[in-house]
Every structure is written in structure tokens, then in C-alpha cells.
Amino acid sequence: MKKFFTQPIGSLVRQNAIGFIVCNIYLIGTGFELFESVDGVNRIFNFAWAFTLTSIVIGSYYLVEGQVPNYWKMATVILGAVLILGTLIEISVPEFRETGFSGMYFIWAFNSLTYILTIRGTGVFRPVYEYLSIFAFIGVLVGSGAGLFFDYTPPESIQPVFGIAWISMVVGFGYGSYVAWGDKLASSTNE
């Protein structure tokens, strides 16, 4: 058990990226009502989603350590805390279980979009994952910002666009982080 919690950050992020993808597959499946789900299991997956995402977010600083200011290290930790706290609010407060805690999603998407745009073109993320992430985080920003700032719920007819954006985020940010860390770990062992 100690080895799991003390492993190198790159290995930890890669494992959590896979966990993040698995959690999202489950949550997307239940969101599109592809199968029946139990509320308690949904909450566990929702918390696991936040935990795995927090690891990816905190690890993102170390992925681009030489290319961003040092204060990004603290910023990723703060964002991770927002994700965990927001998810705990989302799973424990009944009114947020159905609608989600849009403030958390907005803060996360805004910061993640800033991150992706900052490292864009540096070769850290492969271009396909950069563009998928940019599209995804803009979609999450629009979706969460509409409810947060304008108390507006987009009509059902355009909800599939947000579903596509979410899937883009899973592939772009989730799998993109997995691949980026794989590239970094492979290049560090070859040097």
C-alpha cells in the first residue's frame, strides 16, 4: 500500500488517467441512461471521478514544470481542493445531485482551458488531444457558465453537443494526460 501512495508522480497520474476514463465511461453511461444505476454507486463513481481528476490536475504542473511559472504548483493544488470539495458538495446536497455544482465545473474548465492554451504547441500534449481538450473545456465553460451566471438551462435539443464536449474532454484531457506522461517518462529513461 505504501508503494502505491509513494510512487512517482508520472506513474500516479497515468493510473489516475485510466481511472478517470473508467469513471467517465460509467458516468456517461448512466447520464445517457444506457443502464440502471444505484444512487450510492453513482456517488462513489462521482467521488472517484474527482479524486482521479485531482491527481491529473496536480500532476499537470510537473508535466510542464519548466514551461510555466512556479506559482502554478500551488494553483493546481488549490484547483484540486476545489474539485474534491465541490464534488463532496455535489454528492451530499440533494439539489446538486441532479443539476451538478456548476461553479466547480466552471472554475475547473476555466483553469484547464488556460492550462491547455498555455502549453499548446509545446509538444507536451499531442495536437489532437490539445484540440479535443480546448473544444471540451469551451463546452463545459458554456454549459456551466450559462447556469451559473444567467440561470439558463440550454434546451434539450443542444444537450448532445455538451455530451460530445464531455467525451472530447475524456479523450483529450484524460487519455491525453496518460499519453503525455508516457511520452515524458519514456524520454526521461532514454536520456
Foldseek 3Di string as FASTA:
>chain_A
DVCLVPPDLLVVLLVLLVLLLVLVVVVLCVVVPVDDDDLVVNLVSLLSNLVSVLSLLLSLCVLCVVQDDPCSNVVSNVLSVLSNVQSVCLSPPVVNVVPHDLVNLQVVLVVQLVSLVSCPPVPLFDVLLSVLSNLLSVLSNVQSVCCVPVVDHDDPVCVVSNVSSVVSNSCNSSVRSSVSSVVVVVVVVVD
